[in-house]
PDB file of N, CA and C in Angstrom:
ATOM      1  N   MET A   1     108.862  89.474 104.023  1.00  0.00           N
ATOM      2  CA  MET A   1     109.697  90.539 103.482  1.00  0.00           C
ATOM      3  C   MET A   1     108.804  91.598 102.821  1.00  0.00           C
ATOM      4  N   VAL A   2     109.033  92.837 103.144  1.00  0.00           N
ATOM      5  CA  VAL A   2     108.245  93.939 102.619  1.00  0.00           C
ATOM      6  C   VAL A   2     108.687  94.252 101.193  1.00  0.00           C
ATOM      7  N   ARG A   3     107.707  94.288 100.280  1.00  0.00           N
ATOM      8  CA  ARG A   3     108.017  94.682  98.903  1.00  0.00           C
ATOM      9  C   ARG A   3     108.077  96.200  98.831  1.00  0.00           C
ATOM     10  N   LYS A   4     109.011  96.684  98.014  1.00  0.00           N
ATOM     11  CA  LYS A   4     109.211  98.124  97.875  1.00  0.00           C
ATOM     12  C   LYS A   4     109.272  98.523  96.410  1.00  0.00           C
ATOM     13  N   LEU A   5     108.897  99.780  96.176  1.00  0.00           N
ATOM     14  CA  LEU A   5     109.003 100.401  94.865  1.00  0.00           C
ATOM     15  C   LEU A   5     110.108 101.438  94.899  1.00  0.00           C
ATOM     16  N   VAL A   6     110.734 101.664  93.752  1.00  0.00           N
ATOM     17  CA  VAL A   6     111.646 102.788  93.572  1.00  0.00           C
ATOM     18  C   VAL A   6     110.981 103.730  92.573  1.00  0.00           C
ATOM     19  N   ILE A   7     110.814 104.975  92.983  1.00  0.00           N
ATOM     20  CA  ILE A   7     110.199 105.994  92.136  1.00  0.00           C
ATOM     21  C   ILE A   7     111.280 107.002  91.787  1.00  0.00           C
ATOM     22  N   VAL A   8     111.515 107.205  90.496  1.00  0.00           N
ATOM     23  CA  VAL A   8     112.556 108.116  90.016  1.00  0.00           C
ATOM     24  C   VAL A   8     111.899 109.257  89.238  1.00  0.00           C
ATOM     25  N   CYS A   9     112.242 110.490  89.591  1.00  0.00           N
ATOM     26  CA  CYS A   9     111.716 111.672  88.909  1.00  0.00           C
ATOM     27  C   CYS A   9     112.797 112.746  88.940  1.00  0.00           C
ATOM     28  N   ARG A  10     112.972 113.416  87.808  1.00  0.00           N
ATOM     29  CA  ARG A  10     114.025 114.436  87.692  1.00  0.00           C
ATOM     30  C   ARG A  10     115.368 113.819  88.092  1.00  0.00           C
ATOM     31  N   ASP A  11     116.036 114.398  89.089  1.00  0.00           N
ATOM     32  CA  ASP A  11     117.363 113.908  89.495  1.00  0.00           C
ATOM     33  C   ASP A  11     117.330 113.230  90.867  1.00  0.00           C
ATOM     34  N   PHE A  12     116.177 112.714  91.263  1.00  0.00           N
ATOM     35  CA  PHE A  12     116.087 112.068  92.580  1.00  0.00           C
ATOM     36  C   PHE A  12     115.316 110.760  92.479  1.00  0.00           C
ATOM     37  N   GLU A  13     115.474 109.940  93.520  1.00  0.00           N
ATOM     38  CA  GLU A  13     114.669 108.731  93.641  1.00  0.00           C
ATOM     39  C   GLU A  13     114.298 108.529  95.098  1.00  0.00           C
ATOM     40  N   VAL A  14     113.144 107.886  95.302  1.00  0.00           N
ATOM     41  CA  VAL A  14     112.665 107.567  96.642  1.00  0.00           C
ATOM     42  C   VAL A  14     112.171 106.122  96.641  1.00  0.00           C
ATOM     43  N   GLU A  15     112.089 105.556  97.838  1.00  0.00           N
ATOM     44  CA  GLU A  15     111.528 104.220  98.001  1.00  0.00           C
ATOM     45  C   GLU A  15     110.172 104.325  98.678  1.00  0.00           C
ATOM     46  N   ALA A  16     109.278 103.431  98.263  1.00  0.00           N
ATOM     47  CA  ALA A  16     107.955 103.349  98.882  1.00  0.00           C
ATOM     48  C   ALA A  16     107.697 101.900  99.276  1.00  0.00           C
ATOM     49  N   GLU A  17     107.247 101.704 100.508  1.00  0.00           N
ATOM     50  CA  GLU A  17     106.919 100.364 101.000  1.00  0.00           C
ATOM     51  C   GLU A  17     105.462 100.056 100.705  1.00  0.00           C
ATOM     52  N   LEU A  18     105.194  98.881 100.136  1.00  0.00           N
ATOM     53  CA  LEU A  18     103.825  98.475  99.861  1.00  0.00           C
ATOM     54  C   LEU A  18     103.081  98.195 101.171  1.00  0.00           C
ATOM     55  N   LEU A  19     101.819  98.584 101.202  1.00  0.00           N
ATOM     56  CA  LEU A  19     100.949  98.375 102.361  1.00  0.00           C
ATOM     57  C   LEU A  19     100.039  97.183 102.050  1.00  0.00           C
ATOM     58  N   GLU A  20     100.643  96.006 102.080  1.00  0.00           N
ATOM     59  CA  GLU A  20      99.969  94.806 101.599  1.00  0.00           C
ATOM     60  C   GLU A  20      98.814  94.346 102.482  1.00  0.00           C
ATOM     61  N   LYS A  21      98.813  94.697 103.756  1.00  0.00           N
ATOM     62  CA  LYS A  21      97.688  94.329 104.621  1.00  0.00           C
ATOM     63  C   LYS A  21      96.482  95.223 104.345  1.00  0.00           C
ATOM     64  N   LEU A  22      96.718  96.457 103.957  1.00  0.00           N
ATOM     65  CA  LEU A  22      95.641  97.415 103.702  1.00  0.00           C
ATOM     66  C   LEU A  22      94.997  97.190 102.328  1.00  0.00           C
ATOM     67  N   CYS A  23      95.817  96.985 101.312  1.00  0.00           N
ATOM     68  CA  CYS A  23      95.319  96.862  99.931  1.00  0.00           C
ATOM     69  C   CYS A  23      96.047  95.744  99.190  1.00  0.00           C
ATOM     70  N   PRO A  24      95.845  94.487  99.577  1.00  0.00           N
ATOM     71  CA  PRO A  24      96.589  93.394  98.946  1.00  0.00           C
ATOM     72  C   PRO A  24      96.340  93.245  97.445  1.00  0.00           C
ATOM     73  N   ASN A  25      95.108  93.418  97.003  1.00  0.00           N
ATOM     74  CA  ASN A  25      94.809  93.273  95.576  1.00  0.00           C
ATOM     75  C   ASN A  25      95.439  94.388  94.751  1.00  0.00           C
ATOM     76  N   THR A  26      95.392  95.600  95.290  1.00  0.00           N
ATOM     77  CA  THR A  26      96.001  96.739  94.599  1.00  0.00           C
ATOM     78  C   THR A  26      97.514  96.555  94.527  1.00  0.00           C
ATOM     79  N   CYS A  27      98.132  96.159  95.636  1.00  0.00           N
ATOM     80  CA  CYS A  27      99.582  95.923  95.656  1.00  0.00           C
ATOM     81  C   CYS A  27      99.970  94.881  94.612  1.00  0.00           C
ATOM     82  N   ASP A  28      99.243  93.773  94.559  1.00  0.00           N
ATOM     83  CA  ASP A  28      99.574  92.715  93.603  1.00  0.00           C
ATOM     84  C   ASP A  28      99.420  93.190  92.162  1.00  0.00           C
ATOM     85  N   ALA A  29      98.345  93.903  91.872  1.00  0.00           N
ATOM     86  CA  ALA A  29      98.107  94.378  90.503  1.00  0.00           C
ATOM     87  C   ALA A  29      99.186  95.370  90.063  1.00  0.00           C
ATOM     88  N   ILE A  30      99.553  96.293  90.942  1.00  0.00           N
ATOM     89  CA  ILE A  30     100.606  97.267  90.618  1.00  0.00           C
ATOM     90  C   ILE A  30     101.933  96.537  90.431  1.00  0.00           C
ATOM     91  N   TRP A  31     102.278  95.646  91.353  1.00  0.00           N
ATOM     92  CA  TRP A  31     103.543  94.908  91.310  1.00  0.00           C
ATOM     93  C   TRP A  31     103.690  94.149  89.988  1.00  0.00           C
ATOM     94  N   LYS A  32     102.617  93.480  89.581  1.00  0.00           N
ATOM     95  CA  LYS A  32     102.661  92.688  88.338  1.00  0.00           C
ATOM     96  C   LYS A  32     102.802  93.563  87.102  1.00  0.00           C
ATOM     97  N   ALA A  33     102.290  94.784  87.149  1.00  0.00           N
ATOM     98  CA  ALA A  33     102.312  95.681  85.988  1.00  0.00           C
ATOM     99  C   ALA A  33     103.615  96.473  85.844  1.00  0.00           C
ATOM    100  N   LEU A  34     104.449  96.488  86.876  1.00  0.00           N
ATOM    101  CA  LEU A  34     105.702  97.265  86.828  1.00  0.00           C
ATOM    102  C   LEU A  34     106.639  96.728  85.759  1.00  0.00           C
ATOM    103  N   PRO A  35     107.502  97.581  85.194  1.00  0.00           N
ATOM    104  CA  PRO A  35     107.752  98.987  85.525  1.00  0.00           C
ATOM    105  C   PRO A  35     106.807  99.935  84.776  1.00  0.00           C
ATOM    106  N   PHE A  36     106.720 101.166  85.306  1.00  0.00           N
ATOM    107  CA  PHE A  36     105.985 102.241  84.654  1.00  0.00           C
ATOM    108  C   PHE A  36     106.982 103.316  84.239  1.00  0.00           C
ATOM    109  N   ASP A  37     106.704 103.948  83.124  1.00  0.00           N
ATOM    110  CA  ASP A  37     107.479 105.107  82.659  1.00  0.00           C
ATOM    111  C   ASP A  37     106.464 106.050  82.036  1.00  0.00           C
ATOM    112  N   ALA A  38     106.393 107.270  82.547  1.00  0.00           N
ATOM    113  CA  ALA A  38     105.330 108.166  82.106  1.00  0.00           C
ATOM    114  C   ALA A  38     105.748 109.627  82.242  1.00  0.00           C
ATOM    115  N   GLU A  39     104.848 110.504  81.802  1.00  0.00           N
ATOM    116  CA  GLU A  39     105.001 111.938  82.025  1.00  0.00           C
ATOM    117  C   GLU A  39     104.155 112.334  83.219  1.00  0.00           C
ATOM    118  N   VAL A  40     104.716 113.152  84.073  1.00  0.00           N
ATOM    119  CA  VAL A  40     104.060 113.621  85.287  1.00  0.00           C
ATOM    120  C   VAL A  40     102.990 114.663  84.966  1.00  0.00           C
ATOM    121  N   GLU A  41     101.913 114.570  85.695  1.00  0.00           N
ATOM    122  CA  GLU A  41     100.919 115.639  85.785  1.00  0.00           C
ATOM    123  C   GLU A  41     100.949 116.103  87.238  1.00  0.00           C
ATOM    124  N   ILE A  42     100.712 117.380  87.459  1.00  0.00           N
ATOM    125  CA  ILE A  42     100.693 117.933  88.819  1.00  0.00           C
ATOM    126  C   ILE A  42      99.284 118.445  89.101  1.00  0.00           C
ATOM    127  N   TRP A  43      98.748 118.064  90.247  1.00  0.00           N
ATOM    128  CA  TRP A  43      97.477 118.601  90.723  1.00  0.00           C
ATOM    129  C   TRP A  43      97.675 118.979  92.176  1.00  0.00           C
ATOM    130  N   LYS A  44      97.665 120.289  92.451  1.00  0.00           N
ATOM    131  CA  LYS A  44      97.939 120.812  93.790  1.00  0.00           C
ATOM    132  C   LYS A  44      99.269 120.242  94.298  1.00  0.00           C
ATOM    133  N   GLU A  45      99.246 119.442  95.392  1.00  0.00           N
ATOM    134  CA  GLU A  45     100.474 118.846  95.932  1.00  0.00           C
ATOM    135  C   GLU A  45     100.453 117.335  95.708  1.00  0.00           C
ATOM    136  N   GLU A  46     100.200 116.994  94.447  1.00  0.00           N
ATOM    137  CA  GLU A  46     100.112 115.596  94.042  1.00  0.00           C
ATOM    138  C   GLU A  46     100.743 115.439  92.665  1.00  0.00           C
ATOM    139  N   VAL A  47     101.558 114.399  92.521  1.00  0.00           N
ATOM    140  CA  VAL A  47     102.096 113.985  91.235  1.00  0.00           C
ATOM    141  C   VAL A  47     101.279 112.771  90.819  1.00  0.00           C
ATOM    142  N   TYR A  48     100.821 112.747  89.579  1.00  0.00           N
ATOM    143  CA  TYR A  48     100.085 111.569  89.133  1.00  0.00           C
ATOM    144  C   TYR A  48     100.323 111.314  87.654  1.00  0.00           C
ATOM    145  N   PHE A  49     100.019 110.090  87.241  1.00  0.00           N
ATOM    146  CA  PHE A  49     100.077 109.728  85.829  1.00  0.00           C
ATOM    147  C   PHE A  49      99.154 108.537  85.605  1.00  0.00           C
ATOM    148  N   GLY A  50      98.672 108.414  84.397  1.00  0.00           N
ATOM    149  CA  GLY A  50      97.771 107.330  84.049  1.00  0.00           C
ATOM    150  C   GLY A  50      98.505 106.003  83.924  1.00  0.00           C
ATOM    151  N   ILE A  51      97.820 104.936  84.334  1.00  0.00           N
ATOM    152  CA  ILE A  51      98.353 103.577  84.187  1.00  0.00           C
ATOM    153  C   ILE A  51      97.234 102.687  83.648  1.00  0.00           C
ATOM    154  N   SER A  52      97.613 101.553  83.091  1.00  0.00           N
ATOM    155  CA  SER A  52      96.624 100.655  82.489  1.00  0.00           C
ATOM    156  C   SER A  52      96.129  99.583  83.465  1.00  0.00           C
ATOM    157  N   VAL A  53      96.445  99.711  84.724  1.00  0.00           N
ATOM    158  CA  VAL A  53      96.016  98.755  85.746  1.00  0.00           C
ATOM    159  C   VAL A  53      94.553  99.017  86.100  1.00  0.00           C
ATOM    160  N   LYS A  54      93.779  97.939  86.208  1.00  0.00           N
ATOM    161  CA  LYS A  54      92.372  98.050  86.613  1.00  0.00           C
ATOM    162  C   LYS A  54      92.168  97.278  87.914  1.00  0.00           C
ATOM    163  N   VAL A  55      91.811  97.992  88.975  1.00  0.00           N
ATOM    164  CA  VAL A  55      91.557  97.392  90.282  1.00  0.00           C
ATOM    165  C   VAL A  55      90.300  98.048  90.854  1.00  0.00           C
ATOM    166  N   GLU A  56      89.483  97.253  91.470  1.00  0.00           N
ATOM    167  CA  GLU A  56      88.288  97.783  92.133  1.00  0.00           C
ATOM    168  C   GLU A  56      88.711  98.593  93.365  1.00  0.00           C
ATOM    169  N   PRO A  57      87.860  99.497  93.821  1.00  0.00           N
ATOM    170  CA  PRO A  57      88.160 100.187  95.079  1.00  0.00           C
ATOM    171  C   PRO A  57      88.411  99.162  96.195  1.00  0.00           C
ATOM    172  N   GLU A  58      89.486  99.408  96.946  1.00  0.00           N
ATOM    173  CA  GLU A  58      89.892  98.498  98.025  1.00  0.00           C
ATOM    174  C   GLU A  58      90.272  99.351  99.232  1.00  0.00           C
ATOM    175  N   ASN A  59      89.463  99.305 100.269  1.00  0.00           N
ATOM    176  CA  ASN A  59      89.634 100.209 101.408  1.00  0.00           C
ATOM    177  C   ASN A  59      89.801 101.651 100.906  1.00  0.00           C
ATOM    178  N   PRO A  60      88.902 102.105 100.036  1.00  0.00           N
ATOM    179  CA  PRO A  60      89.056 103.444  99.454  1.00  0.00           C
ATOM    180  C   PRO A  60      88.942 104.530 100.519  1.00  0.00           C
ATOM    181  N   THR A  61      89.694 105.589 100.311  1.00  0.00           N
ATOM    182  CA  THR A  61      89.674 106.699 101.253  1.00  0.00           C
ATOM    183  C   THR A  61      89.708 108.031 100.501  1.00  0.00           C
ATOM    184  N   PRO A  62      88.954 109.025 100.995  1.00  0.00           N
ATOM    185  CA  PRO A  62      89.020 110.357 100.405  1.00  0.00           C
ATOM    186  C   PRO A  62      90.122 111.208 101.045  1.00  0.00           C
ATOM    187  N   LYS A  63      90.832 110.647 102.022  1.00  0.00           N
ATOM    188  CA  LYS A  63      91.865 111.382 102.762  1.00  0.00           C
ATOM    189  C   LYS A  63      93.234 110.726 102.559  1.00  0.00           C
ATOM    190  N   THR A  64      94.243 111.555 102.380  1.00  0.00           N
ATOM    191  CA  THR A  64      95.615 111.064 102.247  1.00  0.00           C
ATOM    192  C   THR A  64      96.534 111.877 103.135  1.00  0.00           C
ATOM    193  N   GLN A  65      97.751 111.359 103.296  1.00  0.00           N
ATOM    194  CA  GLN A  65      98.792 112.048 104.051  1.00  0.00           C
ATOM    195  C   GLN A  65      99.999 112.260 103.138  1.00  0.00           C
ATOM    196  N   MET A  66     100.829 113.218 103.508  1.00  0.00           N
ATOM    197  CA  MET A  66     102.077 113.418 102.792  1.00  0.00           C
ATOM    198  C   MET A  66     102.869 112.109 102.820  1.00  0.00           C
ATOM    199  N   GLY A  67     103.287 111.639 101.650  1.00  0.00           N
ATOM    200  CA  GLY A  67     104.031 110.390 101.547  1.00  0.00           C
ATOM    201  C   GLY A  67     103.198 109.216 101.074  1.00  0.00           C
ATOM    202  N   ASP A  68     101.873 109.393 100.999  1.00  0.00           N
ATOM    203  CA  ASP A  68     101.021 108.313 100.508  1.00  0.00           C
ATOM    204  C   ASP A  68     101.208 108.122  99.006  1.00  0.00           C
ATOM    205  N   VAL A  69     101.223 106.857  98.599  1.00  0.00           N
ATOM    206  CA  VAL A  69     101.225 106.482  97.184  1.00  0.00           C
ATOM    207  C   VAL A  69      99.913 105.741  96.977  1.00  0.00           C
ATOM    208  N   SER A  70      99.101 106.234  96.055  1.00  0.00           N
ATOM    209  CA  SER A  70      97.751 105.727  95.917  1.00  0.00           C
ATOM    210  C   SER A  70      97.404 105.389  94.474  1.00  0.00           C
ATOM    211  N   TYR A  71      96.443 104.498  94.337  1.00  0.00           N
ATOM    212  CA  TYR A  71      95.860 104.139  93.056  1.00  0.00           C
ATOM    213  C   TYR A  71      94.506 104.827  92.975  1.00  0.00           C
ATOM    214  N   TRP A  72      94.282 105.546  91.877  1.00  0.00           N
ATOM    215  CA  TRP A  72      93.024 106.256  91.671  1.00  0.00           C
ATOM    216  C   TRP A  72      92.182 105.461  90.682  1.00  0.00           C
ATOM    217  N   PRO A  73      91.162 104.734  91.166  1.00  0.00           N
ATOM    218  CA  PRO A  73      90.373 103.872  90.292  1.00  0.00           C
ATOM    219  C   PRO A  73      89.693 104.599  89.132  1.00  0.00           C
ATOM    220  N   GLU A  74      89.302 105.845  89.337  1.00  0.00           N
ATOM    221  CA  GLU A  74      88.592 106.576  88.286  1.00  0.00           C
ATOM    222  C   GLU A  74      89.482 106.947  87.115  1.00  0.00           C
ATOM    223  N   GLY A  75      90.802 106.976  87.302  1.00  0.00           N
ATOM    224  CA  GLY A  75      91.712 107.376  86.230  1.00  0.00           C
ATOM    225  C   GLY A  75      91.784 106.379  85.087  1.00  0.00           C
ATOM    226  N   PRO A  76      92.296 105.241  85.303  1.00  0.00           N
ATOM    227  CA  PRO A  76      93.032 104.898  86.523  1.00  0.00           C
ATOM    228  C   PRO A  76      94.388 105.610  86.560  1.00  0.00           C
ATOM    229  N   GLY A  77      94.859 105.861  87.774  1.00  0.00           N
ATOM    230  CA  GLY A  77      96.098 106.603  87.911  1.00  0.00           C
ATOM    231  C   GLY A  77      96.921 106.190  89.111  1.00  0.00           C
ATOM    232  N   PHE A  78      98.204 106.521  89.030  1.00  0.00           N
ATOM    233  CA  PHE A  78      99.208 106.304  90.076  1.00  0.00           C
ATOM    234  C   PHE A  78      99.485 107.680  90.663  1.00  0.00           C
ATOM    235  N   CYS A  79      99.325 107.849  91.968  1.00  0.00           N
ATOM    236  CA  CYS A  79      99.412 109.167  92.613  1.00  0.00           C
ATOM    237  C   CYS A  79     100.421 109.161  93.754  1.00  0.00           C
ATOM    238  N   VAL A  80     101.185 110.236  93.841  1.00  0.00           N
ATOM    239  CA  VAL A  80     102.097 110.457  94.957  1.00  0.00           C
ATOM    240  C   VAL A  80     101.691 111.781  95.604  1.00  0.00           C
ATOM    241  N   PHE A  81     101.314 111.722  96.872  1.00  0.00           N
ATOM    242  CA  PHE A  81     100.900 112.913  97.607  1.00  0.00           C
ATOM    243  C   PHE A  81     102.086 113.457  98.399  1.00  0.00           C
ATOM    244  N   PHE A  82     102.522 114.682  98.039  1.00  0.00           N
ATOM    245  CA  PHE A  82     103.723 115.235  98.667  1.00  0.00           C
ATOM    246  C   PHE A  82     103.432 116.460  99.522  1.00  0.00           C
ATOM    247  N   GLY A  83     102.164 116.710  99.803  1.00  0.00           N
ATOM    248  CA  GLY A  83     101.794 117.851 100.641  1.00  0.00           C
ATOM    249  C   GLY A  83     100.461 117.588 101.310  1.00  0.00           C
ATOM    250  N   ARG A  84      99.713 118.666 101.535  1.00  0.00           N
ATOM    251  CA  ARG A  84      98.448 118.545 102.260  1.00  0.00           C
ATOM    252  C   ARG A  84      97.234 118.357 101.354  1.00  0.00           C
ATOM    253  N   SER A  85      97.404 118.439 100.050  1.00  0.00           N
ATOM    254  CA  SER A  85      96.241 118.321  99.171  1.00  0.00           C
ATOM    255  C   SER A  85      95.628 116.929  99.268  1.00  0.00           C
ATOM    256  N   GLN A  86      94.360 116.853  98.919  1.00  0.00           N
ATOM    257  CA  GLN A  86      93.598 115.610  99.010  1.00  0.00           C
ATOM    258  C   GLN A  86      93.155 115.194  97.607  1.00  0.00           C
ATOM    259  N   PRO A  87      92.879 113.910  97.423  1.00  0.00           N
ATOM    260  CA  PRO A  87      92.449 113.451  96.108  1.00  0.00           C
ATOM    261  C   PRO A  87      91.076 114.017  95.731  1.00  0.00           C
ATOM    262  N   ILE A  88      90.836 114.108  94.441  1.00  0.00           N
ATOM    263  CA  ILE A  88      89.553 114.617  93.945  1.00  0.00           C
ATOM    264  C   ILE A  88      88.418 113.633  94.238  1.00  0.00           C
ATOM    265  N   SER A  89      88.757 112.355  94.342  1.00  0.00           N
ATOM    266  CA  SER A  89      87.810 111.313  94.733  1.00  0.00           C
ATOM    267  C   SER A  89      88.597 110.205  95.434  1.00  0.00           C
ATOM    268  N   SER A  90      87.910 109.246  95.994  1.00  0.00           N
ATOM    269  CA  SER A  90      88.561 108.210  96.809  1.00  0.00           C
ATOM    270  C   SER A  90      89.627 107.434  96.054  1.00  0.00           C
ATOM    271  N   VAL A  91      90.668 107.052  96.801  1.00  0.00           N
ATOM    272  CA  VAL A  91      91.815 106.319  96.262  1.00  0.00           C
ATOM    273  C   VAL A  91      92.099 105.098  97.135  1.00  0.00           C
ATOM    274  N   ASN A  92      92.839 104.155  96.550  1.00  0.00           N
ATOM    275  CA  ASN A  92      93.371 103.016  97.296  1.00  0.00           C
ATOM    276  C   ASN A  92      94.810 103.374  97.655  1.00  0.00           C
ATOM    277  N   THR A  93      95.083 103.699  98.905  1.00  0.00           N
ATOM    278  CA  THR A  93      96.451 104.008  99.314  1.00  0.00           C
ATOM    279  C   THR A  93      97.161 102.686  99.565  1.00  0.00           C
ATOM    280  N   PHE A  94      98.142 102.371  98.693  1.00  0.00           N
ATOM    281  CA  PHE A  94      98.772 101.051  98.702  1.00  0.00           C
ATOM    282  C   PHE A  94     100.249 101.067  99.049  1.00  0.00           C
ATOM    283  N   ALA A  95     100.852 102.249  99.233  1.00  0.00           N
ATOM    284  CA  ALA A  95     102.274 102.329  99.583  1.00  0.00           C
ATOM    285  C   ALA A  95     102.533 103.643 100.308  1.00  0.00           C
ATOM    286  N   ARG A  96     103.677 103.705 100.969  1.00  0.00           N
ATOM    287  CA  ARG A  96     104.049 104.910 101.702  1.00  0.00           C
ATOM    288  C   ARG A  96     105.531 105.201 101.519  1.00  0.00           C
ATOM    289  N   ILE A  97     105.820 106.464 101.230  1.00  0.00           N
ATOM    290  CA  ILE A  97     107.194 106.960 101.136  1.00  0.00           C
ATOM    291  C   ILE A  97     107.560 107.495 102.514  1.00  0.00           C
ATOM    292  N   LYS A  98     108.599 106.939 103.129  1.00  0.00           N
ATOM    293  CA  LYS A  98     108.979 107.354 104.482  1.00  0.00           C
ATOM    294  C   LYS A  98     110.014 108.468 104.490  1.00  0.00           C
ATOM    295  N   SER A  99     110.742 108.620 103.394  1.00  0.00           N
ATOM    296  CA  SER A  99     111.817 109.607 103.371  1.00  0.00           C
ATOM    297  C   SER A  99     111.964 110.193 101.967  1.00  0.00           C
ATOM    298  N   GLY A 100     112.088 111.517 101.904  1.00  0.00           N
ATOM    299  CA  GLY A 100     112.382 112.177 100.636  1.00  0.00           C
ATOM    300  C   GLY A 100     111.185 112.642  99.833  1.00  0.00           C
ATOM    301  N   VAL A 101     109.965 112.468 100.356  1.00  0.00           N
ATOM    302  CA  VAL A 101     108.783 112.841  99.576  1.00  0.00           C
ATOM    303  C   VAL A 101     108.770 114.330  99.232  1.00  0.00           C
ATOM    304  N   GLU A 102     109.403 115.154 100.053  1.00  0.00           N
ATOM    305  CA  GLU A 102     109.422 116.596  99.783  1.00  0.00           C
ATOM    306  C   GLU A 102     110.127 116.931  98.470  1.00  0.00           C
ATOM    307  N   LYS A 103     110.954 116.022  97.961  1.00  0.00           N
ATOM    308  CA  LYS A 103     111.652 116.246  96.687  1.00  0.00           C
ATOM    309  C   LYS A 103     110.690 116.402  95.522  1.00  0.00           C
ATOM    310  N   PHE A 104     109.482 115.864  95.654  1.00  0.00           N
ATOM    311  CA  PHE A 104     108.499 115.986  94.575  1.00  0.00           C
ATOM    312  C   PHE A 104     108.031 117.420  94.377  1.00  0.00           C
ATOM    313  N   ARG A 105     108.325 118.314  95.319  1.00  0.00           N
ATOM    314  CA  ARG A 105     107.968 119.732  95.133  1.00  0.00           C
ATOM    315  C   ARG A 105     108.668 120.324  93.906  1.00  0.00           C
ATOM    316  N   ALA A 106     109.791 119.731  93.504  1.00  0.00           N
ATOM    317  CA  ALA A 106     110.533 120.216  92.325  1.00  0.00           C
ATOM    318  C   ALA A 106     109.956 119.680  91.013  1.00  0.00           C
ATOM    319  N   ALA A 107     109.072 118.701  91.078  1.00  0.00           N
ATOM    320  CA  ALA A 107     108.522 118.091  89.860  1.00  0.00           C
ATOM    321  C   ALA A 107     107.615 119.077  89.124  1.00  0.00           C
ATOM    322  N   ARG A 108     107.640 118.996  87.808  1.00  0.00           N
ATOM    323  CA  ARG A 108     106.826 119.845  86.954  1.00  0.00           C
ATOM    324  C   ARG A 108     106.067 118.985  85.951  1.00  0.00           C
ATOM    325  N   THR A 109     104.898 119.452  85.548  1.00  0.00           N
ATOM    326  CA  THR A 109     104.127 118.745  84.524  1.00  0.00           C
ATOM    327  C   THR A 109     105.012 118.504  83.310  1.00  0.00           C
ATOM    328  N   GLY A 110     105.014 117.280  82.821  1.00  0.00           N
ATOM    329  CA  GLY A 110     105.825 116.911  81.663  1.00  0.00           C
ATOM    330  C   GLY A 110     107.124 116.224  82.022  1.00  0.00           C
ATOM    331  N   ASP A 111     107.562 116.322  83.290  1.00  0.00           N
ATOM    332  CA  ASP A 111     108.776 115.602  83.711  1.00  0.00           C
ATOM    333  C   ASP A 111     108.553 114.097  83.531  1.00  0.00           C
ATOM    334  N   ARG A 112     109.638 113.382  83.311  1.00  0.00           N
ATOM    335  CA  ARG A 112     109.561 111.923  83.224  1.00  0.00           C
ATOM    336  C   ARG A 112     109.586 111.322  84.624  1.00  0.00           C
ATOM    337  N   ILE A 113     108.815 110.273  84.810  1.00  0.00           N
ATOM    338  CA  ILE A 113     108.806 109.539  86.076  1.00  0.00           C
ATOM    339  C   ILE A 113     108.845 108.065  85.740  1.00  0.00           C
ATOM    340  N   SER A 114     109.560 107.314  86.560  1.00  0.00           N
ATOM    341  CA  SER A 114     109.576 105.858  86.392  1.00  0.00           C
ATOM    342  C   SER A 114     109.389 105.197  87.748  1.00  0.00           C
ATOM    343  N   VAL A 115     108.755 104.050  87.707  1.00  0.00           N
ATOM    344  CA  VAL A 115     108.494 103.280  88.920  1.00  0.00           C
ATOM    345  C   VAL A 115     108.894 101.838  88.620  1.00  0.00           C
ATOM    346  N   ARG A 116     109.694 101.263  89.517  1.00  0.00           N
ATOM    347  CA  ARG A 116     110.147  99.877  89.326  1.00  0.00           C
ATOM    348  C   ARG A 116     110.194  99.173  90.683  1.00  0.00           C
ATOM    349  N   ARG A 117     110.390  97.861  90.613  1.00  0.00           N
ATOM    350  CA  ARG A 117     110.555  97.092  91.838  1.00  0.00           C
ATOM    351  C   ARG A 117     111.911  97.391  92.445  1.00  0.00           C
ATOM    352  N   ALA A 118     111.959  97.497  93.763  1.00  0.00           N
ATOM    353  CA  ALA A 118     113.245  97.739  94.444  1.00  0.00           C
ATOM    354  C   ALA A 118     114.021  96.430  94.539  1.00  0.00           C
TER     355      ALA A 118
END
């Protein structure tokens, strides 16, 4: 059974499926630390916020796609990529949003965001 996250921001929510074959350690660490509630920061076409999870780089990549949900080891941070922008440094992409990621275009720095198990 695929584990999923629910990400809520402003007046919308989306689901993200964990990519457990790609980043099993990152998925487990994030799953165990949930839920998160934070203030959004915006960088280009990325929503991110700091988290207290510590995970080593796992299949790190400097490239992302729209809909990728990634862990940024240098932050550490939780990132949602909703456009063409790329991370400032390599990330562990551990989940993917298949529908509704474009809604993050309405997010603004300071908005509340929450992430929980689906």
